[in-house]
PDB file of N, CA and C in Angstrom:
ATOM      1  N   MET A   1     122.297  94.975 103.651  1.00  0.00           N
ATOM      2  CA  MET A   1     121.419  95.492 104.695  1.00  0.00           C
ATOM      3  C   MET A   1     120.470  94.384 105.098  1.00  0.00           C
ATOM      4  N   SER A   2     120.435  94.120 106.351  1.00  0.00           N
ATOM      5  CA  SER A   2     119.490  93.111 106.810  1.00  0.00           C
ATOM      6  C   SER A   2     118.592  93.678 107.897  1.00  0.00           C
ATOM      7  N   ALA A   3     118.336  94.969 107.813  1.00  0.00           N
ATOM      8  CA  ALA A   3     117.416  95.626 108.745  1.00  0.00           C
ATOM      9  C   ALA A   3     116.205  96.091 107.958  1.00  0.00           C
ATOM     10  N   PHE A   4     115.030  95.685 108.415  1.00  0.00           N
ATOM     11  CA  PHE A   4     113.805  95.955 107.683  1.00  0.00           C
ATOM     12  C   PHE A   4     112.772  96.655 108.561  1.00  0.00           C
ATOM     13  N   LEU A   5     111.973  97.509 107.930  1.00  0.00           N
ATOM     14  CA  LEU A   5     110.775  98.073 108.538  1.00  0.00           C
ATOM     15  C   LEU A   5     109.633  97.650 107.631  1.00  0.00           C
ATOM     16  N   ILE A   6     108.784  96.759 108.128  1.00  0.00           N
ATOM     17  CA  ILE A   6     107.736  96.144 107.315  1.00  0.00           C
ATOM     18  C   ILE A   6     106.438  96.928 107.461  1.00  0.00           C
ATOM     19  N   ASP A   7     105.889  97.319 106.331  1.00  0.00           N
ATOM     20  CA  ASP A   7     104.682  98.148 106.299  1.00  0.00           C
ATOM     21  C   ASP A   7     103.455  97.345 106.718  1.00  0.00           C
ATOM     22  N   GLU A   8     102.390  98.074 107.022  1.00  0.00           N
ATOM     23  CA  GLU A   8     101.224  97.492 107.675  1.00  0.00           C
ATOM     24  C   GLU A   8     100.381  96.552 106.825  1.00  0.00           C
ATOM     25  N   MET A   9     100.568  96.507 105.518  1.00  0.00           N
ATOM     26  CA  MET A   9      99.756  95.579 104.712  1.00  0.00           C
ATOM     27  C   MET A   9     100.245  94.132 104.851  1.00  0.00           C
ATOM     28  N   PHE A  10     101.406  93.965 105.452  1.00  0.00           N
ATOM     29  CA  PHE A  10     101.953  92.623 105.658  1.00  0.00           C
ATOM     30  C   PHE A  10     101.762  92.192 107.110  1.00  0.00           C
ATOM     31  N   PRO A  11     101.700  90.895 107.351  1.00  0.00           N
ATOM     32  CA  PRO A  11     101.486  90.413 108.724  1.00  0.00           C
ATOM     33  C   PRO A  11     102.684  90.694 109.639  1.00  0.00           C
ATOM     34  N   ILE A  12     102.369  90.983 110.884  1.00  0.00           N
ATOM     35  CA  ILE A  12     103.410  91.211 111.892  1.00  0.00           C
ATOM     36  C   ILE A  12     104.311  89.980 112.018  1.00  0.00           C
ATOM     37  N   ALA A  13     103.748  88.816 111.803  1.00  0.00           N
ATOM     38  CA  ALA A  13     104.525  87.575 111.923  1.00  0.00           C
ATOM     39  C   ALA A  13     105.723  87.548 110.989  1.00  0.00           C
ATOM     40  N   ALA A  14     105.673  88.278 109.881  1.00  0.00           N
ATOM     41  CA  ALA A  14     106.815  88.300 108.957  1.00  0.00           C
ATOM     42  C   ALA A  14     108.050  88.876 109.641  1.00  0.00           C
ATOM     43  N   ALA A  15     107.870  89.915 110.442  1.00  0.00           N
ATOM     44  CA  ALA A  15     109.003  90.500 111.163  1.00  0.00           C
ATOM     45  C   ALA A  15     109.574  89.512 112.174  1.00  0.00           C
ATOM     46  N   ALA A  16     108.695  88.827 112.888  1.00  0.00           N
ATOM     47  CA  ALA A  16     109.159  87.829 113.866  1.00  0.00           C
ATOM     48  C   ALA A  16     109.922  86.699 113.183  1.00  0.00           C
ATOM     49  N   LEU A  17     109.428  86.238 112.048  1.00  0.00           N
ATOM     50  CA  LEU A  17     110.131  85.181 111.311  1.00  0.00           C
ATOM     51  C   LEU A  17     111.497  85.660 110.819  1.00  0.00           C
ATOM     52  N   LEU A  18     111.564  86.875 110.344  1.00  0.00           N
ATOM     53  CA  LEU A  18     112.852  87.407 109.897  1.00  0.00           C
ATOM     54  C   LEU A  18     113.851  87.462 111.045  1.00  0.00           C
ATOM     55  N   ARG A  19     113.385  87.823 112.222  1.00  0.00           N
ATOM     56  CA  ARG A  19     114.273  87.885 113.392  1.00  0.00           C
ATOM     57  C   ARG A  19     114.648  86.491 113.869  1.00  0.00           C
ATOM     58  N   ASP A  20     113.620  85.666 114.104  1.00  0.00           N
ATOM     59  CA  ASP A  20     113.830  84.392 114.787  1.00  0.00           C
ATOM     60  C   ASP A  20     114.375  83.290 113.892  1.00  0.00           C
ATOM     61  N   THR A  21     113.966  83.264 112.641  1.00  0.00           N
ATOM     62  CA  THR A  21     114.377  82.196 111.731  1.00  0.00           C
ATOM     63  C   THR A  21     115.611  82.574 110.918  1.00  0.00           C
ATOM     64  N   TYR A  22     115.666  83.840 110.484  1.00  0.00           N
ATOM     65  CA  TYR A  22     116.730  84.244 109.560  1.00  0.00           C
ATOM     66  C   TYR A  22     117.774  85.171 110.180  1.00  0.00           C
ATOM     67  N   GLY A  23     117.550  85.633 111.395  1.00  0.00           N
ATOM     68  CA  GLY A  23     118.542  86.453 112.090  1.00  0.00           C
ATOM     69  C   GLY A  23     118.656  87.894 111.629  1.00  0.00           C
ATOM     70  N   HIS A  24     117.620  88.414 110.982  1.00  0.00           N
ATOM     71  CA  HIS A  24     117.648  89.801 110.525  1.00  0.00           C
ATOM     72  C   HIS A  24     117.066  90.734 111.583  1.00  0.00           C
ATOM     73  N   ASP A  25     117.451  91.967 111.518  1.00  0.00           N
ATOM     74  CA  ASP A  25     116.891  93.013 112.361  1.00  0.00           C
ATOM     75  C   ASP A  25     115.633  93.495 111.653  1.00  0.00           C
ATOM     76  N   ALA A  26     114.484  93.082 112.106  1.00  0.00           N
ATOM     77  CA  ALA A  26     113.224  93.408 111.438  1.00  0.00           C
ATOM     78  C   ALA A  26     112.191  93.858 112.453  1.00  0.00           C
ATOM     79  N   VAL A  27     111.444  94.861 112.068  1.00  0.00           N
ATOM     80  CA  VAL A  27     110.365  95.360 112.911  1.00  0.00           C
ATOM     81  C   VAL A  27     109.184  95.714 112.009  1.00  0.00           C
ATOM     82  N   HIS A  28     108.013  95.445 112.497  1.00  0.00           N
ATOM     83  CA  HIS A  28     106.776  95.788 111.789  1.00  0.00           C
ATOM     84  C   HIS A  28     106.356  97.176 112.253  1.00  0.00           C
ATOM     85  N   VAL A  29     105.709  97.933 111.383  1.00  0.00           N
ATOM     86  CA  VAL A  29     105.290  99.289 111.773  1.00  0.00           C
ATOM     87  C   VAL A  29     104.430  99.277 113.036  1.00  0.00           C
ATOM     88  N   ALA A  30     103.635  98.251 113.233  1.00  0.00           N
ATOM     89  CA  ALA A  30     102.806  98.166 114.440  1.00  0.00           C
ATOM     90  C   ALA A  30     103.674  98.031 115.689  1.00  0.00           C
ATOM     91  N   GLU A  31     104.763  97.291 115.588  1.00  0.00           N
ATOM     92  CA  GLU A  31     105.673  97.118 116.727  1.00  0.00           C
ATOM     93  C   GLU A  31     106.422  98.416 117.029  1.00  0.00           C
ATOM     94  N   ALA A  32     106.604  99.244 115.996  1.00  0.00           N
ATOM     95  CA  ALA A  32     107.356 100.492 116.139  1.00  0.00           C
ATOM     96  C   ALA A  32     106.462 101.677 116.471  1.00  0.00           C
ATOM     97  N   GLY A  33     105.176 101.424 116.700  1.00  0.00           N
ATOM     98  CA  GLY A  33     104.255 102.508 116.998  1.00  0.00           C
ATOM     99  C   GLY A  33     103.929 103.373 115.795  1.00  0.00           C
ATOM    100  N   LEU A  34     104.019 102.785 114.611  1.00  0.00           N
ATOM    101  CA  LEU A  34     103.801 103.542 113.373  1.00  0.00           C
ATOM    102  C   LEU A  34     102.560 103.098 112.615  1.00  0.00           C
ATOM    103  N   ARG A  35     101.663 102.383 113.257  1.00  0.00           N
ATOM    104  CA  ARG A  35     100.433 101.964 112.580  1.00  0.00           C
ATOM    105  C   ARG A  35      99.671 103.203 112.135  1.00  0.00           C
ATOM    106  N   ALA A  36      99.261 103.231 110.877  1.00  0.00           N
ATOM    107  CA  ALA A  36      98.515 104.325 110.254  1.00  0.00           C
ATOM    108  C   ALA A  36      99.321 105.617 110.146  1.00  0.00           C
ATOM    109  N   ALA A  37     100.638 105.528 110.279  1.00  0.00           N
ATOM    110  CA  ALA A  37     101.489 106.719 110.131  1.00  0.00           C
ATOM    111  C   ALA A  37     101.575 107.107 108.659  1.00  0.00           C
ATOM    112  N   GLU A  38     101.834 108.359 108.407  1.00  0.00           N
ATOM    113  CA  GLU A  38     102.048 108.834 107.042  1.00  0.00           C
ATOM    114  C   GLU A  38     103.265 108.118 106.457  1.00  0.00           C
ATOM    115  N   ASP A  39     103.196 107.828 105.167  1.00  0.00           N
ATOM    116  CA  ASP A  39     104.292 107.104 104.515  1.00  0.00           C
ATOM    117  C   ASP A  39     105.612 107.861 104.614  1.00  0.00           C
ATOM    118  N   ALA A  40     105.572 109.180 104.524  1.00  0.00           N
ATOM    119  CA  ALA A  40     106.795 109.971 104.647  1.00  0.00           C
ATOM    120  C   ALA A  40     107.417 109.799 106.035  1.00  0.00           C
ATOM    121  N   HIS A  41     106.575 109.660 107.049  1.00  0.00           N
ATOM    122  CA  HIS A  41     107.088 109.441 108.409  1.00  0.00           C
ATOM    123  C   HIS A  41     107.698 108.043 108.528  1.00  0.00           C
ATOM    124  N   VAL A  42     107.042 107.045 107.943  1.00  0.00           N
ATOM    125  CA  VAL A  42     107.588 105.684 107.944  1.00  0.00           C
ATOM    126  C   VAL A  42     108.955 105.683 107.263  1.00  0.00           C
ATOM    127  N   ALA A  43     109.062 106.359 106.132  1.00  0.00           N
ATOM    128  CA  ALA A  43     110.338 106.436 105.413  1.00  0.00           C
ATOM    129  C   ALA A  43     111.392 107.152 106.251  1.00  0.00           C
ATOM    130  N   ALA A  44     111.004 108.212 106.942  1.00  0.00           N
ATOM    131  CA  ALA A  44     111.949 108.958 107.779  1.00  0.00           C
ATOM    132  C   ALA A  44     112.481 108.097 108.924  1.00  0.00           C
ATOM    133  N   VAL A  45     111.606 107.311 109.532  1.00  0.00           N
ATOM    134  CA  VAL A  45     112.049 106.416 110.615  1.00  0.00           C
ATOM    135  C   VAL A  45     113.006 105.364 110.057  1.00  0.00           C
ATOM    136  N   ALA A  46     112.649 104.782 108.922  1.00  0.00           N
ATOM    137  CA  ALA A  46     113.523 103.781 108.304  1.00  0.00           C
ATOM    138  C   ALA A  46     114.882 104.384 107.965  1.00  0.00           C
ATOM    139  N   ARG A  47     114.879 105.559 107.413  1.00  0.00           N
ATOM    140  CA  ARG A  47     116.117 106.252 107.045  1.00  0.00           C
ATOM    141  C   ARG A  47     116.975 106.481 108.288  1.00  0.00           C
ATOM    142  N   GLY A  48     116.352 106.972 109.341  1.00  0.00           N
ATOM    143  CA  GLY A  48     117.069 107.265 110.577  1.00  0.00           C
ATOM    144  C   GLY A  48     117.640 106.038 111.262  1.00  0.00           C
ATOM    145  N   GLU A  49     116.965 104.896 111.081  1.00  0.00           N
ATOM    146  CA  GLU A  49     117.413 103.654 111.725  1.00  0.00           C
ATOM    147  C   GLU A  49     118.205 102.761 110.779  1.00  0.00           C
ATOM    148  N   GLY A  50     118.408 103.200 109.545  1.00  0.00           N
ATOM    149  CA  GLY A  50     119.155 102.392 108.579  1.00  0.00           C
ATOM    150  C   GLY A  50     118.418 101.142 108.151  1.00  0.00           C
ATOM    151  N   ARG A  51     117.101 101.255 108.019  1.00  0.00           N
ATOM    152  CA  ARG A  51     116.274 100.118 107.636  1.00  0.00           C
ATOM    153  C   ARG A  51     115.756 100.282 106.213  1.00  0.00           C
ATOM    154  N   ALA A  52     115.481  99.162 105.578  1.00  0.00           N
ATOM    155  CA  ALA A  52     114.787  99.156 104.297  1.00  0.00           C
ATOM    156  C   ALA A  52     113.298  99.089 104.575  1.00  0.00           C
ATOM    157  N   VAL A  53     112.527  99.902 103.872  1.00  0.00           N
ATOM    158  CA  VAL A  53     111.073  99.855 103.988  1.00  0.00           C
ATOM    159  C   VAL A  53     110.569  98.735 103.085  1.00  0.00           C
ATOM    160  N   VAL A  54     109.789  97.822 103.642  1.00  0.00           N
ATOM    161  CA  VAL A  54     109.176  96.742 102.869  1.00  0.00           C
ATOM    162  C   VAL A  54     107.702  97.088 102.721  1.00  0.00           C
ATOM    163  N   THR A  55     107.266  97.289 101.488  1.00  0.00           N
ATOM    164  CA  THR A  55     105.901  97.745 101.235  1.00  0.00           C
ATOM    165  C   THR A  55     105.462  97.291  99.853  1.00  0.00           C
ATOM    166  N   GLU A  56     104.170  97.434  99.582  1.00  0.00           N
ATOM    167  CA  GLU A  56     103.699  97.248  98.219  1.00  0.00           C
ATOM    168  C   GLU A  56     103.165  98.565  97.667  1.00  0.00           C
ATOM    169  N   ASN A  57     103.235  99.615  98.452  1.00  0.00           N
ATOM    170  CA  ASN A  57     102.703 100.924  98.079  1.00  0.00           C
ATOM    171  C   ASN A  57     103.691 101.710  97.223  1.00  0.00           C
ATOM    172  N   VAL A  58     103.799 101.326  95.975  1.00  0.00           N
ATOM    173  CA  VAL A  58     104.754 101.954  95.064  1.00  0.00           C
ATOM    174  C   VAL A  58     104.479 103.442  94.933  1.00  0.00           C
ATOM    175  N   VAL A  59     103.244 103.805  94.662  1.00  0.00           N
ATOM    176  CA  VAL A  59     102.893 105.206  94.441  1.00  0.00           C
ATOM    177  C   VAL A  59     103.145 106.041  95.698  1.00  0.00           C
ATOM    178  N   ASP A  60     102.788 105.511  96.855  1.00  0.00           N
ATOM    179  CA  ASP A  60     102.917 106.268  98.099  1.00  0.00           C
ATOM    180  C   ASP A  60     104.363 106.576  98.460  1.00  0.00           C
ATOM    181  N   PHE A  61     105.287 105.736  98.043  1.00  0.00           N
ATOM    182  CA  PHE A  61     106.693 105.929  98.380  1.00  0.00           C
ATOM    183  C   PHE A  61     107.522 106.427  97.192  1.00  0.00           C
ATOM    184  N   ALA A  62     106.869 106.764  96.101  1.00  0.00           N
ATOM    185  CA  ALA A  62     107.572 107.158  94.872  1.00  0.00           C
ATOM    186  C   ALA A  62     108.476 108.373  95.074  1.00  0.00           C
ATOM    187  N   ALA A  63     108.104 109.280  95.938  1.00  0.00           N
ATOM    188  CA  ALA A  63     108.890 110.496  96.133  1.00  0.00           C
ATOM    189  C   ALA A  63     110.124 110.273  97.006  1.00  0.00           C
ATOM    190  N   GLU A  64     110.192 109.144  97.676  1.00  0.00           N
ATOM    191  CA  GLU A  64     111.310 108.872  98.586  1.00  0.00           C
ATOM    192  C   GLU A  64     112.541 108.460  97.787  1.00  0.00           C
ATOM    193  N   ARG A  65     113.641 109.178  97.959  1.00  0.00           N
ATOM    194  CA  ARG A  65     114.847 108.902  97.176  1.00  0.00           C
ATOM    195  C   ARG A  65     116.039 108.464  98.025  1.00  0.00           C
ATOM    196  N   ASP A  66     116.043 108.788  99.291  1.00  0.00           N
ATOM    197  CA  ASP A  66     117.227 108.519 100.100  1.00  0.00           C
ATOM    198  C   ASP A  66     116.985 107.443 101.154  1.00  0.00           C
ATOM    199  N   VAL A  67     116.222 106.443 100.751  1.00  0.00           N
ATOM    200  CA  VAL A  67     115.949 105.295 101.620  1.00  0.00           C
ATOM    201  C   VAL A  67     115.854 104.058 100.726  1.00  0.00           C
ATOM    202  N   VAL A  68     116.200 102.911 101.264  1.00  0.00           N
ATOM    203  CA  VAL A  68     116.055 101.664 100.522  1.00  0.00           C
ATOM    204  C   VAL A  68     114.591 101.240 100.597  1.00  0.00           C
ATOM    205  N   LEU A  69     113.995 101.011  99.442  1.00  0.00           N
ATOM    206  CA  LEU A  69     112.597 100.594  99.344  1.00  0.00           C
ATOM    207  C   LEU A  69     112.543  99.214  98.714  1.00  0.00           C
ATOM    208  N   VAL A  70     111.929  98.275  99.400  1.00  0.00           N
ATOM    209  CA  VAL A  70     111.788  96.920  98.880  1.00  0.00           C
ATOM    210  C   VAL A  70     110.298  96.704  98.615  1.00  0.00           C
ATOM    211  N   PHE A  71     109.961  96.659  97.331  1.00  0.00           N
ATOM    212  CA  PHE A  71     108.567  96.512  96.931  1.00  0.00           C
ATOM    213  C   PHE A  71     108.244  95.044  96.695  1.00  0.00           C
ATOM    214  N   VAL A  72     107.242  94.569  97.418  1.00  0.00           N
ATOM    215  CA  VAL A  72     106.757  93.195  97.266  1.00  0.00           C
ATOM    216  C   VAL A  72     105.243  93.286  97.105  1.00  0.00           C
ATOM    217  N   LEU A  73     104.739  92.726  96.032  1.00  0.00           N
ATOM    218  CA  LEU A  73     103.298  92.750  95.797  1.00  0.00           C
ATOM    219  C   LEU A  73     102.646  91.549  96.467  1.00  0.00           C
ATOM    220  N   LYS A  74     101.616  91.808  97.255  1.00  0.00           N
ATOM    221  CA  LYS A  74     100.931  90.734  97.972  1.00  0.00           C
ATOM    222  C   LYS A  74     100.359  89.693  97.023  1.00  0.00           C
ATOM    223  N   LYS A  75      99.986  90.108  95.823  1.00  0.00           N
ATOM    224  CA  LYS A  75      99.424  89.155  94.869  1.00  0.00           C
ATOM    225  C   LYS A  75     100.447  88.096  94.457  1.00  0.00           C
ATOM    226  N   ASN A  76     101.727  88.358  94.690  1.00  0.00           N
ATOM    227  CA  ASN A  76     102.775  87.385  94.376  1.00  0.00           C
ATOM    228  C   ASN A  76     103.105  86.471  95.557  1.00  0.00           C
ATOM    229  N   LEU A  77     102.420  86.661  96.670  1.00  0.00           N
ATOM    230  CA  LEU A  77     102.614  85.836  97.860  1.00  0.00           C
ATOM    231  C   LEU A  77     101.376  84.978  98.070  1.00  0.00           C
ATOM    232  N   PRO A  78     101.518  83.845  98.738  1.00  0.00           N
ATOM    233  CA  PRO A  78     100.334  83.031  99.009  1.00  0.00           C
ATOM    234  C   PRO A  78      99.375  83.762  99.947  1.00  0.00           C
ATOM    235  N   ALA A  79      98.115  83.520  99.763  1.00  0.00           N
ATOM    236  CA  ALA A  79      97.110  84.135 100.624  1.00  0.00           C
ATOM    237  C   ALA A  79      97.063  83.408 101.963  1.00  0.00           C
ATOM    238  N   GLY A  80      96.557  84.110 102.955  1.00  0.00           N
ATOM    239  CA  GLY A  80      96.334  83.480 104.260  1.00  0.00           C
ATOM    240  C   GLY A  80      97.590  83.288 105.072  1.00  0.00           C
ATOM    241  N   GLY A  81      97.620  82.192 105.808  1.00  0.00           N
ATOM    242  CA  GLY A  81      98.673  81.927 106.776  1.00  0.00           C
ATOM    243  C   GLY A  81     100.064  81.768 106.216  1.00  0.00           C
ATOM    244  N   GLY A  82     100.199  81.481 104.938  1.00  0.00           N
ATOM    245  CA  GLY A  82     101.528  81.288 104.361  1.00  0.00           C
ATOM    246  C   GLY A  82     102.209  82.573 103.946  1.00  0.00           C
ATOM    247  N   GLN A  83     101.506  83.693 104.042  1.00  0.00           N
ATOM    248  CA  GLN A  83     102.060  84.949 103.552  1.00  0.00           C
ATOM    249  C   GLN A  83     103.291  85.404 104.344  1.00  0.00           C
ATOM    250  N   ALA A  84     103.239  85.326 105.655  1.00  0.00           N
ATOM    251  CA  ALA A  84     104.365  85.782 106.476  1.00  0.00           C
ATOM    252  C   ALA A  84     105.620  84.977 106.183  1.00  0.00           C
ATOM    253  N   ALA A  85     105.489  83.670 106.108  1.00  0.00           N
ATOM    254  CA  ALA A  85     106.652  82.814 105.834  1.00  0.00           C
ATOM    255  C   ALA A  85     107.217  83.076 104.449  1.00  0.00           C
ATOM    256  N   ALA A  86     106.336  83.248 103.462  1.00  0.00           N
ATOM    257  CA  ALA A  86     106.788  83.508 102.096  1.00  0.00           C
ATOM    258  C   ALA A  86     107.503  84.852 102.015  1.00  0.00           C
ATOM    259  N   LEU A  87     106.958  85.874 102.668  1.00  0.00           N
ATOM    260  CA  LEU A  87     107.590  87.189 102.653  1.00  0.00           C
ATOM    261  C   LEU A  87     108.957  87.130 103.334  1.00  0.00           C
ATOM    262  N   ALA A  88     109.031  86.477 104.474  1.00  0.00           N
ATOM    263  CA  ALA A  88     110.309  86.362 105.185  1.00  0.00           C
ATOM    264  C   ALA A  88     111.355  85.667 104.313  1.00  0.00           C
ATOM    265  N   LYS A  89     110.964  84.642 103.602  1.00  0.00           N
ATOM    266  CA  LYS A  89     111.892  83.926 102.724  1.00  0.00           C
ATOM    267  C   LYS A  89     112.370  84.823 101.585  1.00  0.00           C
ATOM    268  N   VAL A  90     111.442  85.552 100.967  1.00  0.00           N
ATOM    269  CA  VAL A  90     111.804  86.480  99.885  1.00  0.00           C
ATOM    270  C   VAL A  90     112.790  87.533 100.385  1.00  0.00           C
ATOM    271  N   LEU A  91     112.517  88.101 101.552  1.00  0.00           N
ATOM    272  CA  LEU A  91     113.375  89.155 102.084  1.00  0.00           C
ATOM    273  C   LEU A  91     114.739  88.628 102.507  1.00  0.00           C
ATOM    274  N   ASP A  92     114.778  87.430 103.062  1.00  0.00           N
ATOM    275  CA  ASP A  92     116.061  86.837 103.418  1.00  0.00           C
ATOM    276  C   ASP A  92     116.910  86.617 102.166  1.00  0.00           C
ATOM    277  N   ARG A  93     116.319  86.077 101.132  1.00  0.00           N
ATOM    278  CA  ARG A  93     117.050  85.846  99.883  1.00  0.00           C
ATOM    279  C   ARG A  93     117.534  87.177  99.296  1.00  0.00           C
ATOM    280  N   TRP A  94     116.652  88.182  99.290  1.00  0.00           N
ATOM    281  CA  TRP A  94     117.028  89.495  98.769  1.00  0.00           C
ATOM    282  C   TRP A  94     118.200  90.074  99.568  1.00  0.00           C
ATOM    283  N   ALA A  95     118.145  89.979 100.900  1.00  0.00           N
ATOM    284  CA  ALA A  95     119.209  90.520 101.749  1.00  0.00           C
ATOM    285  C   ALA A  95     120.539  89.825 101.475  1.00  0.00           C
ATOM    286  N   GLN A  96     120.498  88.529 101.246  1.00  0.00           N
ATOM    287  CA  GLN A  96     121.735  87.806 100.938  1.00  0.00           C
ATOM    288  C   GLN A  96     122.308  88.231  99.589  1.00  0.00           C
ATOM    289  N   GLU A  97     121.433  88.491  98.621  1.00  0.00           N
ATOM    290  CA  GLU A  97     121.869  88.892  97.286  1.00  0.00           C
ATOM    291  C   GLU A  97     122.281  90.364  97.223  1.00  0.00           C
ATOM    292  N   HIS A  98     121.827  91.161  98.167  1.00  0.00           N
ATOM    293  CA  HIS A  98     122.091  92.610  98.169  1.00  0.00           C
ATOM    294  C   HIS A  98     122.570  93.055  99.554  1.00  0.00           C
ATOM    295  N   PRO A  99     123.773  92.668  99.942  1.00  0.00           N
ATOM    296  CA  PRO A  99     124.234  93.037 101.287  1.00  0.00           C
ATOM    297  C   PRO A  99     124.438  94.539 101.469  1.00  0.00           C
ATOM    298  N   HIS A 100     124.650  95.262 100.375  1.00  0.00           N
ATOM    299  CA  HIS A 100     124.830  96.721 100.429  1.00  0.00           C
ATOM    300  C   HIS A 100     123.964  97.353  99.340  1.00  0.00           C
ATOM    301  N   PRO A 101     122.645  97.365  99.518  1.00  0.00           N
ATOM    302  CA  PRO A 101     121.755  97.841  98.457  1.00  0.00           C
ATOM    303  C   PRO A 101     121.866  99.352  98.240  1.00  0.00           C
ATOM    304  N   TYR A 102     121.633  99.764  97.017  1.00  0.00           N
ATOM    305  CA  TYR A 102     121.587 101.186  96.694  1.00  0.00           C
ATOM    306  C   TYR A 102     120.295 101.791  97.257  1.00  0.00           C
ATOM    307  N   LEU A 103     120.308 103.084  97.457  1.00  0.00           N
ATOM    308  CA  LEU A 103     119.107 103.787  97.892  1.00  0.00           C
ATOM    309  C   LEU A 103     118.126 103.828  96.735  1.00  0.00           C
ATOM    310  N   GLY A 104     116.869 103.616  97.035  1.00  0.00           N
ATOM    311  CA  GLY A 104     115.848 103.625  96.004  1.00  0.00           C
ATOM    312  C   GLY A 104     115.115 102.309  95.933  1.00  0.00           C
ATOM    313  N   PRO A 105     114.370 102.110  94.846  1.00  0.00           N
ATOM    314  CA  PRO A 105     113.485 100.946  94.758  1.00  0.00           C
ATOM    315  C   PRO A 105     114.193  99.641  94.374  1.00  0.00           C
ATOM    316  N   HIS A 106     113.735  98.583  94.996  1.00  0.00           N
ATOM    317  CA  HIS A 106     114.191  97.212  94.704  1.00  0.00           C
ATOM    318  C   HIS A 106     112.938  96.355  94.534  1.00  0.00           C
ATOM    319  N   TRP A 107     113.026  95.395  93.645  1.00  0.00           N
ATOM    320  CA  TRP A 107     111.895  94.503  93.362  1.00  0.00           C
ATOM    321  C   TRP A 107     112.355  93.045  93.464  1.00  0.00           C
ATOM    322  N   PRO A 108     112.412  92.478  94.659  1.00  0.00           N
ATOM    323  CA  PRO A 108     112.830  91.071  94.762  1.00  0.00           C
ATOM    324  C   PRO A 108     111.802  90.143  94.141  1.00  0.00           C
ATOM    325  N   SER A 109     112.282  89.062  93.580  1.00  0.00           N
ATOM    326  CA  SER A 109     111.357  88.090  93.006  1.00  0.00           C
ATOM    327  C   SER A 109     110.780  87.230  94.109  1.00  0.00           C
ATOM    328  N   ALA A 110     109.500  86.952  93.983  1.00  0.00           N
ATOM    329  CA  ALA A 110     108.813  86.149  95.021  1.00  0.00           C
ATOM    330  C   ALA A 110     108.964  84.684  94.728  1.00  0.00           C
TER     331      ALA A 110
END
């Protein structure tokens, strides 16, 4: 799966880098009109569009079972301007290693 829905705690630039640099189908919740949306709604949109949710909100998405969840902790990414590039690289590597991921939680290494 190389389609991502990136949650709001990550920079919008990460979605653009995934599209433009790595060729993935990626959208940020802000681009999808989902800023401040309930997590269950974000998961429902991702499920309907065949996207993996990229978030660090483990507890908020714990009840979701029928969607691919990619958990990345911001503390494992560089602060500031390098965060978007680092996240895009992590997600690209994860997508290459998991072309057909199982539904549920995934923890790519940063």
